[in-house]
Amino acid sequence: MASPQQQQTIRENVTVTAETSTARVPGAKCKLTARNINFYYGAFQALHGISLDVPTHRITAFIGPSGCGKSTFLRTMNRMNEALRNTRVEGELHLDEADIFSMDVTDVRRRVGMVFQKSNPFPKSIFDNVAYGLRVNGISRKSVVEEAVERSLEHAALWTEVKDKLHKPASALSGGQQQRLCIARALAVEPEVLLLDEPCSALDPIATRKIEELLFQLKEMTTIVIVTHNMQQAARLADFTGFFLLGKLIEIDDTRKIFQNPGKRETEDYVTGRFG
């Protein structure tokens, strides 16, 4: 997140109007609905009135410069920010008809999985990494766990690469394999939404392509929201794209429209490289 001084420098060059943060995806069935989300780190307000709809079984990408609030909003969507001290959220966030902020947090994170920027396999075997969420949720029957692990690794396009070394340390995998393992671990509990925060930022182009191909397939199973600094990746991957700036959602629409004919000047300036 950008410091207050960095944010002030940006503000001196960019003006953002308050009403731009109430954009919505037009004409789509929604899995997640946010209305007027404000988020604070202590006295610093990181998100300002974010309202948007996340379409079901589609890929929605969030783009914008560093410190613009896109990762903060992503973590708000499965209440990951609650792990941070002295933070506060306001507004409404619904998963289907359920109020996320009123749900049991364990249930939220089962239904809304998350994969982080840096792959973070546990210091366990490949098998135990994928089985972790199942066991936490009380699933211990051996045959059920084994079936779920295999299915999740297949969905993560990793099964053929690791099926003969399931009980070897996950740390022995390559960076791209570790990230797909983390995706498999998230998929094991069959989440309805999968959040990904810069999942390819540390990967080479070949591993990045595999992750992107994987996400195309996974949207048939789950709703996907991805934060990316790579605008080409958003253009390749996403059905819908939202542009964040200074903690506000400037615009969200069909990805082609965002990149070819954006409705806001700030969006056009960013995607054409005039700033950011």
C-alpha atoms as a PDB file:
ATOM      1  CA  MET A   1       0.000   0.000   0.000  1.00  0.00           C
ATOM      2  CA  ALA A   2       1.276   3.452  -0.867  1.00  0.00           C
ATOM      3  CA  SER A   3       2.185   5.723   2.035  1.00  0.00           C
ATOM      4  CA  PRO A   4       0.084   8.864   2.707  1.00  0.00           C
ATOM      5  CA  GLN A   5       2.931  10.919   1.215  1.00  0.00           C
ATOM      6  CA  GLN A   6       2.893   8.834  -1.994  1.00  0.00           C
ATOM      7  CA  GLN A   7      -0.889   9.114  -2.156  1.00  0.00           C
ATOM      8  CA  GLN A   8      -0.606  12.906  -1.847  1.00  0.00           C
ATOM      9  CA  THR A   9       1.884  12.989  -4.740  1.00  0.00           C
ATOM     10  CA  ILE A  10      -0.580  11.078  -6.904  1.00  0.00           C
ATOM     11  CA  ARG A  11      -3.441  13.383  -5.875  1.00  0.00           C
ATOM     12  CA  GLU A  12      -1.450  16.395  -7.056  1.00  0.00           C
ATOM     13  CA  ASN A  13      -1.509  14.942 -10.577  1.00  0.00           C
ATOM     14  CA  VAL A  14      -4.858  13.157 -10.713  1.00  0.00           C
ATOM     15  CA  THR A  15      -8.329  14.312  -9.745  1.00  0.00           C
ATOM     16  CA  VAL A  16     -10.932  11.655  -8.912  1.00  0.00           C
ATOM     17  CA  THR A  17     -14.587  12.527  -8.495  1.00  0.00           C
ATOM     18  CA  ALA A  18     -16.531  10.817  -5.704  1.00  0.00           C
ATOM     19  CA  GLU A  19     -19.357   9.581  -7.906  1.00  0.00           C
ATOM     20  CA  THR A  20     -17.006   7.405  -9.985  1.00  0.00           C
ATOM     21  CA  SER A  21     -16.778   4.808  -7.210  1.00  0.00           C
ATOM     22  CA  THR A  22     -20.367   3.557  -7.666  1.00  0.00           C
ATOM     23  CA  ALA A  23     -19.891   1.646 -10.916  1.00  0.00           C
ATOM     24  CA  ARG A  24     -21.582  -1.703 -11.500  1.00  0.00           C
ATOM     25  CA  VAL A  25     -21.302  -4.525 -14.006  1.00  0.00           C
ATOM     26  CA  PRO A  26     -24.304  -4.198 -16.314  1.00  0.00           C
ATOM     27  CA  GLY A  27     -26.703  -7.050 -17.058  1.00  0.00           C
ATOM     28  CA  ALA A  28     -25.089  -9.987 -15.272  1.00  0.00           C
ATOM     29  CA  LYS A  29     -26.169 -12.471 -12.606  1.00  0.00           C
ATOM     30  CA  CYS A  30     -24.082 -11.682  -9.552  1.00  0.00           C
ATOM     31  CA  LYS A  31     -22.330 -13.862  -6.997  1.00  0.00           C
ATOM     32  CA  LEU A  32     -20.945 -11.054  -4.842  1.00  0.00           C
ATOM     33  CA  THR A  33     -22.511  -7.655  -4.304  1.00  0.00           C
ATOM     34  CA  ALA A  34     -20.757  -4.751  -2.585  1.00  0.00           C
ATOM     35  CA  ARG A  35     -22.472  -1.529  -1.647  1.00  0.00           C
ATOM     36  CA  ASN A  36     -20.734   1.562  -0.282  1.00  0.00           C
ATOM     37  CA  ILE A  37     -17.718  -0.250   1.189  1.00  0.00           C
ATOM     38  CA  ASN A  38     -15.374   1.997   3.179  1.00  0.00           C
ATOM     39  CA  PHE A  39     -12.254   0.575   4.787  1.00  0.00           C
ATOM     40  CA  TYR A  40      -9.866   2.158   7.282  1.00  0.00           C
ATOM     41  CA  TYR A  41      -6.339   1.377   8.458  1.00  0.00           C
ATOM     42  CA  GLY A  42      -6.498   3.319  11.689  1.00  0.00           C
ATOM     43  CA  ALA A  43      -7.345   6.897  10.693  1.00  0.00           C
ATOM     44  CA  PHE A  44      -6.371   6.347   7.042  1.00  0.00           C
ATOM     45  CA  GLN A  45      -9.276   5.607   4.726  1.00  0.00           C
ATOM     46  CA  ALA A  46      -8.104   3.120   2.092  1.00  0.00           C
ATOM     47  CA  LEU A  47     -11.444   2.462   0.349  1.00  0.00           C
ATOM     48  CA  HIS A  48     -14.101   5.041  -0.454  1.00  0.00           C
ATOM     49  CA  GLY A  49     -17.669   3.945  -1.136  1.00  0.00           C
ATOM     50  CA  ILE A  50     -16.934   0.913  -3.320  1.00  0.00           C
ATOM     51  CA  SER A  51     -20.072  -0.482  -4.977  1.00  0.00           C
ATOM     52  CA  LEU A  52     -19.909  -3.237  -7.562  1.00  0.00           C
ATOM     53  CA  ASP A  53     -21.346  -6.565  -8.656  1.00  0.00           C
ATOM     54  CA  VAL A  54     -19.202  -9.652  -9.335  1.00  0.00           C
ATOM     55  CA  PRO A  55     -20.794 -11.812 -12.063  1.00  0.00           C
ATOM     56  CA  THR A  56     -21.216 -15.545 -11.477  1.00  0.00           C
ATOM     57  CA  HIS A  57     -18.875 -17.918 -13.337  1.00  0.00           C
ATOM     58  CA  ARG A  58     -16.907 -15.097 -14.885  1.00  0.00           C
ATOM     59  CA  ILE A  59     -13.432 -13.678 -14.344  1.00  0.00           C
ATOM     60  CA  THR A  60     -13.391 -10.153 -12.954  1.00  0.00           C
ATOM     61  CA  ALA A  61     -10.046  -8.334 -12.860  1.00  0.00           C
ATOM     62  CA  PHE A  62      -9.092  -5.306 -10.767  1.00  0.00           C
ATOM     63  CA  ILE A  63      -6.382  -3.063 -12.186  1.00  0.00           C
ATOM     64  CA  GLY A  64      -4.805   0.183 -11.008  1.00  0.00           C
ATOM     65  CA  PRO A  65      -1.527   1.609  -9.692  1.00  0.00           C
ATOM     66  CA  SER A  66       0.111   0.408  -6.483  1.00  0.00           C
ATOM     67  CA  GLY A  67      -1.678   1.551  -3.360  1.00  0.00           C
ATOM     68  CA  CYS A  68      -4.990   2.194  -5.104  1.00  0.00           C
ATOM     69  CA  GLY A  69      -6.997  -0.168  -2.878  1.00  0.00           C
ATOM     70  CA  LYS A  70      -7.594  -3.132  -5.179  1.00  0.00           C
ATOM     71  CA  SER A  71      -5.854  -5.706  -2.943  1.00  0.00           C
ATOM     72  CA  THR A  72      -7.442  -4.196   0.165  1.00  0.00           C
ATOM     73  CA  PHE A  73     -10.855  -4.633  -1.411  1.00  0.00           C
ATOM     74  CA  LEU A  74     -10.023  -8.194  -2.498  1.00  0.00           C
ATOM     75  CA  ARG A  75      -9.082  -9.141   1.075  1.00  0.00           C
ATOM     76  CA  THR A  76     -12.267  -7.520   2.352  1.00  0.00           C
ATOM     77  CA  MET A  77     -14.261  -9.938   0.203  1.00  0.00           C
ATOM     78  CA  ASN A  78     -13.326 -12.892   2.421  1.00  0.00           C
ATOM     79  CA  ARG A  79     -12.687 -10.890   5.616  1.00  0.00           C
ATOM     80  CA  MET A  80      -8.939 -11.471   5.506  1.00  0.00           C
ATOM     81  CA  ASN A  81      -8.382  -7.877   6.636  1.00  0.00           C
ATOM     82  CA  GLU A  82      -9.818  -8.776  10.032  1.00  0.00           C
ATOM     83  CA  ALA A  83      -6.455 -10.356  10.833  1.00  0.00           C
ATOM     84  CA  LEU A  84      -4.971  -6.839  10.895  1.00  0.00           C
ATOM     85  CA  ARG A  85      -5.189  -4.725  14.039  1.00  0.00           C
ATOM     86  CA  ASN A  86      -6.856  -1.326  14.142  1.00  0.00           C
ATOM     87  CA  THR A  87      -8.853  -1.755  10.939  1.00  0.00           C
ATOM     88  CA  ARG A  88     -12.510  -1.044  10.287  1.00  0.00           C
ATOM     89  CA  VAL A  89     -14.957  -1.743   7.452  1.00  0.00           C
ATOM     90  CA  GLU A  90     -18.293  -0.111   6.675  1.00  0.00           C
ATOM     91  CA  GLY A  91     -20.926  -0.933   4.095  1.00  0.00           C
ATOM     92  CA  GLU A  92     -22.662  -4.050   2.789  1.00  0.00           C
ATOM     93  CA  LEU A  93     -21.168  -7.128   1.162  1.00  0.00           C
ATOM     94  CA  HIS A  94     -23.307 -10.102   0.154  1.00  0.00           C
ATOM     95  CA  LEU A  95     -22.483 -13.577  -1.122  1.00  0.00           C
ATOM     96  CA  ASP A  96     -25.688 -14.499  -2.934  1.00  0.00           C
ATOM     97  CA  GLU A  97     -28.229 -13.425  -0.304  1.00  0.00           C
ATOM     98  CA  ALA A  98     -25.938 -13.909   2.724  1.00  0.00           C
ATOM     99  CA  ASP A  99     -24.370 -10.954   4.547  1.00  0.00           C
ATOM    100  CA  ILE A 100     -20.653 -11.783   4.602  1.00  0.00           C
ATOM    101  CA  PHE A 101     -20.018  -9.616   7.649  1.00  0.00           C
ATOM    102  CA  SER A 102     -22.646 -11.538   9.645  1.00  0.00           C
ATOM    103  CA  MET A 103     -21.503 -15.020   8.617  1.00  0.00           C
ATOM    104  CA  ASP A 104     -19.136 -17.239  10.561  1.00  0.00           C
ATOM    105  CA  VAL A 105     -15.687 -16.296   9.285  1.00  0.00           C
ATOM    106  CA  THR A 106     -14.689 -19.943   8.760  1.00  0.00           C
ATOM    107  CA  ASP A 107     -17.724 -20.422   6.534  1.00  0.00           C
ATOM    108  CA  VAL A 108     -16.858 -17.254   4.606  1.00  0.00           C
ATOM    109  CA  ARG A 109     -13.343 -18.491   3.881  1.00  0.00           C
ATOM    110  CA  ARG A 110     -14.601 -21.916   2.872  1.00  0.00           C
ATOM    111  CA  ARG A 111     -17.020 -20.397   0.376  1.00  0.00           C
ATOM    112  CA  VAL A 112     -14.657 -17.611  -0.730  1.00  0.00           C
ATOM    113  CA  GLY A 113     -11.130 -19.006  -1.156  1.00  0.00           C
ATOM    114  CA  MET A 114      -8.001 -16.942  -1.653  1.00  0.00           C
ATOM    115  CA  VAL A 115      -4.633 -17.374  -3.365  1.00  0.00           C
ATOM    116  CA  PHE A 116      -1.918 -14.868  -2.549  1.00  0.00           C
ATOM    117  CA  GLN A 117       0.746 -13.075  -4.564  1.00  0.00           C
ATOM    118  CA  LYS A 118       3.551 -15.230  -3.195  1.00  0.00           C
ATOM    119  CA  SER A 119       2.936 -18.955  -3.215  1.00  0.00           C
ATOM    120  CA  ASN A 120       2.735 -20.117   0.376  1.00  0.00           C
ATOM    121  CA  PRO A 121       2.697 -23.908   0.572  1.00  0.00           C
ATOM    122  CA  PHE A 122       2.678 -25.230   4.117  1.00  0.00           C
ATOM    123  CA  PRO A 123       5.784 -27.105   5.365  1.00  0.00           C
ATOM    124  CA  LYS A 124       4.017 -30.373   4.660  1.00  0.00           C
ATOM    125  CA  SER A 125       3.772 -32.903   1.866  1.00  0.00           C
ATOM    126  CA  ILE A 126       1.995 -32.117  -1.396  1.00  0.00           C
ATOM    127  CA  PHE A 127      -0.880 -34.357  -0.304  1.00  0.00           C
ATOM    128  CA  ASP A 128      -1.204 -32.781   3.142  1.00  0.00           C
ATOM    129  CA  ASN A 129      -1.189 -29.283   1.661  1.00  0.00           C
ATOM    130  CA  VAL A 130      -4.227 -30.032  -0.479  1.00  0.00           C
ATOM    131  CA  ALA A 131      -5.947 -32.022   2.278  1.00  0.00           C
ATOM    132  CA  TYR A 132      -5.456 -29.280   4.877  1.00  0.00           C
ATOM    133  CA  GLY A 133      -8.717 -27.404   4.322  1.00  0.00           C
ATOM    134  CA  LEU A 134     -10.720 -30.617   4.207  1.00  0.00           C
ATOM    135  CA  ARG A 135      -9.379 -31.711   7.568  1.00  0.00           C
ATOM    136  CA  VAL A 136      -9.940 -28.288   9.110  1.00  0.00           C
ATOM    137  CA  ASN A 137     -13.573 -28.606   8.024  1.00  0.00           C
ATOM    138  CA  GLY A 138     -13.888 -31.996   9.729  1.00  0.00           C
ATOM    139  CA  ILE A 139     -13.502 -34.258   6.703  1.00  0.00           C
ATOM    140  CA  SER A 140     -11.226 -37.111   7.731  1.00  0.00           C
ATOM    141  CA  ARG A 141     -12.444 -40.248   5.945  1.00  0.00           C
ATOM    142  CA  LYS A 142      -9.418 -41.482   4.013  1.00  0.00           C
ATOM    143  CA  SER A 143     -11.175 -42.363   0.767  1.00  0.00           C
ATOM    144  CA  VAL A 144     -13.035 -39.044   0.673  1.00  0.00           C
ATOM    145  CA  VAL A 145      -9.848 -37.045   1.329  1.00  0.00           C
ATOM    146  CA  GLU A 146      -7.858 -38.986  -1.268  1.00  0.00           C
ATOM    147  CA  GLU A 147     -10.554 -38.478  -3.898  1.00  0.00           C
ATOM    148  CA  ALA A 148     -10.785 -34.762  -3.144  1.00  0.00           C
ATOM    149  CA  VAL A 149      -7.004 -34.305  -3.278  1.00  0.00           C
ATOM    150  CA  GLU A 150      -6.773 -36.019  -6.665  1.00  0.00           C
ATOM    151  CA  ARG A 151      -9.731 -34.062  -8.031  1.00  0.00           C
ATOM    152  CA  SER A 152      -8.323 -30.742  -6.821  1.00  0.00           C
ATOM    153  CA  LEU A 153      -4.883 -31.430  -8.282  1.00  0.00           C
ATOM    154  CA  GLU A 154      -6.510 -32.358 -11.585  1.00  0.00           C
ATOM    155  CA  HIS A 155      -8.529 -29.144 -11.564  1.00  0.00           C
ATOM    156  CA  ALA A 156      -5.298 -27.244 -10.871  1.00  0.00           C
ATOM    157  CA  ALA A 157      -3.598 -28.983 -13.830  1.00  0.00           C
ATOM    158  CA  LEU A 158      -0.995 -30.452 -11.488  1.00  0.00           C
ATOM    159  CA  TRP A 159      -2.003 -34.087 -10.994  1.00  0.00           C
ATOM    160  CA  THR A 160       0.079 -35.611 -13.792  1.00  0.00           C
ATOM    161  CA  GLU A 161       3.171 -33.762 -12.548  1.00  0.00           C
ATOM    162  CA  VAL A 162       2.923 -34.803  -8.895  1.00  0.00           C
ATOM    163  CA  LYS A 163       0.878 -38.015  -8.714  1.00  0.00           C
ATOM    164  CA  ASP A 164       4.009 -40.114  -8.075  1.00  0.00           C
ATOM    165  CA  LYS A 165       5.407 -37.819  -5.367  1.00  0.00           C
ATOM    166  CA  LEU A 166       2.391 -36.834  -3.297  1.00  0.00           C
ATOM    167  CA  HIS A 167       4.190 -37.476  -0.031  1.00  0.00           C
ATOM    168  CA  LYS A 168       7.265 -35.434  -0.887  1.00  0.00           C
ATOM    169  CA  PRO A 169       7.658 -31.892   0.511  1.00  0.00           C
ATOM    170  CA  ALA A 170       5.700 -29.212  -1.320  1.00  0.00           C
ATOM    171  CA  SER A 171       8.777 -27.000  -1.066  1.00  0.00           C
ATOM    172  CA  ALA A 172      10.469 -29.203  -3.678  1.00  0.00           C
ATOM    173  CA  LEU A 173       8.091 -27.978  -6.374  1.00  0.00           C
ATOM    174  CA  SER A 174       8.947 -25.155  -8.774  1.00  0.00           C
ATOM    175  CA  GLY A 175       7.476 -21.698  -8.232  1.00  0.00           C
ATOM    176  CA  GLY A 176       4.761 -22.204 -10.826  1.00  0.00           C
ATOM    177  CA  GLN A 177       3.906 -25.630  -9.437  1.00  0.00           C
ATOM    178  CA  GLN A 178       3.728 -24.219  -5.911  1.00  0.00           C
ATOM    179  CA  GLN A 179       1.254 -21.582  -7.045  1.00  0.00           C
ATOM    180  CA  ARG A 180      -0.905 -24.226  -8.733  1.00  0.00           C
ATOM    181  CA  LEU A 181      -0.649 -26.279  -5.537  1.00  0.00           C
ATOM    182  CA  CYS A 182      -2.020 -23.304  -3.593  1.00  0.00           C
ATOM    183  CA  ILE A 183      -4.866 -23.076  -6.092  1.00  0.00           C
ATOM    184  CA  ALA A 184      -5.518 -26.820  -5.627  1.00  0.00           C
ATOM    185  CA  ARG A 185      -5.527 -26.324  -1.847  1.00  0.00           C
ATOM    186  CA  ALA A 186      -8.144 -23.579  -2.209  1.00  0.00           C
ATOM    187  CA  LEU A 187     -10.226 -25.685  -4.617  1.00  0.00           C
ATOM    188  CA  ALA A 188     -10.282 -28.736  -2.321  1.00  0.00           C
ATOM    189  CA  VAL A 189     -13.123 -27.280  -0.220  1.00  0.00           C
ATOM    190  CA  GLU A 190     -15.058 -26.398  -3.394  1.00  0.00           C
ATOM    191  CA  PRO A 191     -15.295 -22.624  -2.957  1.00  0.00           C
ATOM    192  CA  GLU A 192     -17.990 -20.680  -4.734  1.00  0.00           C
ATOM    193  CA  VAL A 193     -15.589 -17.774  -5.316  1.00  0.00           C
ATOM    194  CA  LEU A 194     -11.825 -17.823  -5.839  1.00  0.00           C
ATOM    195  CA  LEU A 195      -9.874 -14.625  -5.122  1.00  0.00           C
ATOM    196  CA  LEU A 196      -6.343 -14.265  -6.520  1.00  0.00           C
ATOM    197  CA  ASP A 197      -3.999 -11.446  -5.550  1.00  0.00           C
ATOM    198  CA  GLU A 198      -1.287 -11.029  -8.213  1.00  0.00           C
ATOM    199  CA  PRO A 199      -0.912 -14.823  -8.582  1.00  0.00           C
ATOM    200  CA  CYS A 200       1.558 -14.582 -11.466  1.00  0.00           C
ATOM    201  CA  SER A 201       3.735 -11.667 -10.362  1.00  0.00           C
ATOM    202  CA  ALA A 202       6.677 -13.886  -9.356  1.00  0.00           C
ATOM    203  CA  LEU A 203       6.339 -16.382 -12.211  1.00  0.00           C
ATOM    204  CA  ASP A 204       8.059 -16.682 -15.568  1.00  0.00           C
ATOM    205  CA  PRO A 205       6.021 -16.373 -18.801  1.00  0.00           C
ATOM    206  CA  ILE A 206       5.600 -20.140 -19.212  1.00  0.00           C
ATOM    207  CA  ALA A 207       4.265 -20.615 -15.679  1.00  0.00           C
ATOM    208  CA  THR A 208       2.087 -17.514 -16.101  1.00  0.00           C
ATOM    209  CA  ARG A 209       0.530 -18.968 -19.248  1.00  0.00           C
ATOM    210  CA  LYS A 210      -0.285 -22.202 -17.396  1.00  0.00           C
ATOM    211  CA  ILE A 211      -2.004 -20.277 -14.589  1.00  0.00           C
ATOM    212  CA  GLU A 212      -4.003 -18.219 -17.086  1.00  0.00           C
ATOM    213  CA  GLU A 213      -5.076 -21.330 -19.018  1.00  0.00           C
ATOM    214  CA  LEU A 214      -6.061 -22.901 -15.713  1.00  0.00           C
ATOM    215  CA  LEU A 215      -8.219 -19.922 -14.718  1.00  0.00           C
ATOM    216  CA  PHE A 216     -10.066 -20.044 -18.040  1.00  0.00           C
ATOM    217  CA  GLN A 217     -11.064 -23.630 -17.212  1.00  0.00           C
ATOM    218  CA  LEU A 218     -11.869 -22.952 -13.555  1.00  0.00           C
ATOM    219  CA  LYS A 219     -14.463 -20.266 -14.232  1.00  0.00           C
ATOM    220  CA  GLU A 220     -16.797 -23.066 -15.307  1.00  0.00           C
ATOM    221  CA  MET A 221     -16.623 -24.276 -11.678  1.00  0.00           C
ATOM    222  CA  THR A 222     -16.316 -21.089  -9.649  1.00  0.00           C
ATOM    223  CA  THR A 223     -16.494 -17.302  -9.813  1.00  0.00           C
ATOM    224  CA  ILE A 224     -13.026 -15.730 -10.080  1.00  0.00           C
ATOM    225  CA  VAL A 225     -11.758 -12.308  -9.019  1.00  0.00           C
ATOM    226  CA  ILE A 226      -8.125 -11.432  -9.758  1.00  0.00           C
ATOM    227  CA  VAL A 227      -5.973  -8.442  -8.897  1.00  0.00           C
ATOM    228  CA  THR A 228      -3.245  -7.799 -11.434  1.00  0.00           C
ATOM    229  CA  HIS A 229      -0.762  -5.054 -12.282  1.00  0.00           C
ATOM    230  CA  ASN A 230      -0.376  -6.623 -15.722  1.00  0.00           C
ATOM    231  CA  MET A 231      -2.915  -4.910 -17.971  1.00  0.00           C
ATOM    232  CA  GLN A 232      -2.171  -7.337 -20.804  1.00  0.00           C
ATOM    233  CA  GLN A 233      -3.099 -10.182 -18.462  1.00  0.00           C
ATOM    234  CA  ALA A 234      -6.393  -8.509 -17.562  1.00  0.00           C
ATOM    235  CA  ALA A 235      -7.125  -7.956 -21.255  1.00  0.00           C
ATOM    236  CA  ARG A 236      -6.382 -11.620 -22.063  1.00  0.00           C
ATOM    237  CA  LEU A 237      -8.087 -13.176 -19.092  1.00  0.00           C
ATOM    238  CA  ALA A 238     -10.983 -11.172 -17.706  1.00  0.00           C
ATOM    239  CA  ASP A 239     -14.593 -10.943 -18.784  1.00  0.00           C
ATOM    240  CA  PHE A 240     -14.998  -7.762 -16.747  1.00  0.00           C
ATOM    241  CA  THR A 241     -12.405  -5.286 -15.489  1.00  0.00           C
ATOM    242  CA  GLY A 242     -12.582  -2.676 -12.759  1.00  0.00           C
ATOM    243  CA  PHE A 243     -10.157   0.238 -12.487  1.00  0.00           C
ATOM    244  CA  PHE A 244      -9.216   1.459  -8.993  1.00  0.00           C
ATOM    245  CA  LEU A 245      -7.526   4.753  -8.183  1.00  0.00           C
ATOM    246  CA  LEU A 246      -6.854   6.383  -4.816  1.00  0.00           C
ATOM    247  CA  GLY A 247      -9.153   3.960  -3.014  1.00  0.00           C
ATOM    248  CA  LYS A 248     -12.069   4.532  -5.398  1.00  0.00           C
ATOM    249  CA  LEU A 249     -13.575   2.356  -8.087  1.00  0.00           C
ATOM    250  CA  ILE A 250     -13.465   4.589 -11.125  1.00  0.00           C
ATOM    251  CA  GLU A 251     -15.139   2.263 -13.588  1.00  0.00           C
ATOM    252  CA  ILE A 252     -16.083  -1.385 -14.117  1.00  0.00           C
ATOM    253  CA  ASP A 253     -17.348  -2.819 -17.375  1.00  0.00           C
ATOM    254  CA  ASP A 254     -16.780  -5.392 -20.079  1.00  0.00           C
ATOM    255  CA  THR A 255     -13.017  -5.782 -20.427  1.00  0.00           C
ATOM    256  CA  ARG A 256     -12.972  -4.894 -24.112  1.00  0.00           C
ATOM    257  CA  LYS A 257     -14.795  -1.643 -23.403  1.00  0.00           C
ATOM    258  CA  ILE A 258     -12.450  -0.744 -20.532  1.00  0.00           C
ATOM    259  CA  PHE A 259      -9.408  -1.091 -22.776  1.00  0.00           C
ATOM    260  CA  GLN A 260     -10.844   0.161 -26.071  1.00  0.00           C
ATOM    261  CA  ASN A 261     -13.486   2.703 -25.115  1.00  0.00           C
ATOM    262  CA  PRO A 262     -13.464   3.510 -21.374  1.00  0.00           C
ATOM    263  CA  GLY A 263     -16.142   5.803 -20.046  1.00  0.00           C
ATOM    264  CA  LYS A 264     -13.934   7.766 -17.662  1.00  0.00           C
ATOM    265  CA  ARG A 265     -10.959   9.951 -18.477  1.00  0.00           C
ATOM    266  CA  GLU A 266      -8.985   8.553 -15.535  1.00  0.00           C
ATOM    267  CA  THR A 267      -9.388   5.014 -16.907  1.00  0.00           C
ATOM    268  CA  GLU A 268      -8.313   6.082 -20.376  1.00  0.00           C
ATOM    269  CA  ASP A 269      -5.248   7.863 -18.986  1.00  0.00           C
ATOM    270  CA  TYR A 270      -4.213   4.723 -17.096  1.00  0.00           C
ATOM    271  CA  VAL A 271      -4.755   2.103 -19.808  1.00  0.00           C
ATOM    272  CA  THR A 272      -3.010   4.277 -22.392  1.00  0.00           C
ATOM    273  CA  GLY A 273       0.004   4.788 -20.138  1.00  0.00           C
ATOM    274  CA  ARG A 274      -0.397   8.511 -19.428  1.00  0.00           C
ATOM    275  CA  PHE A 275       0.126   7.773 -15.744  1.00  0.00           C
ATOM    276  CA  GLY A 276       0.636   4.778 -13.413  1.00  0.00           C
END
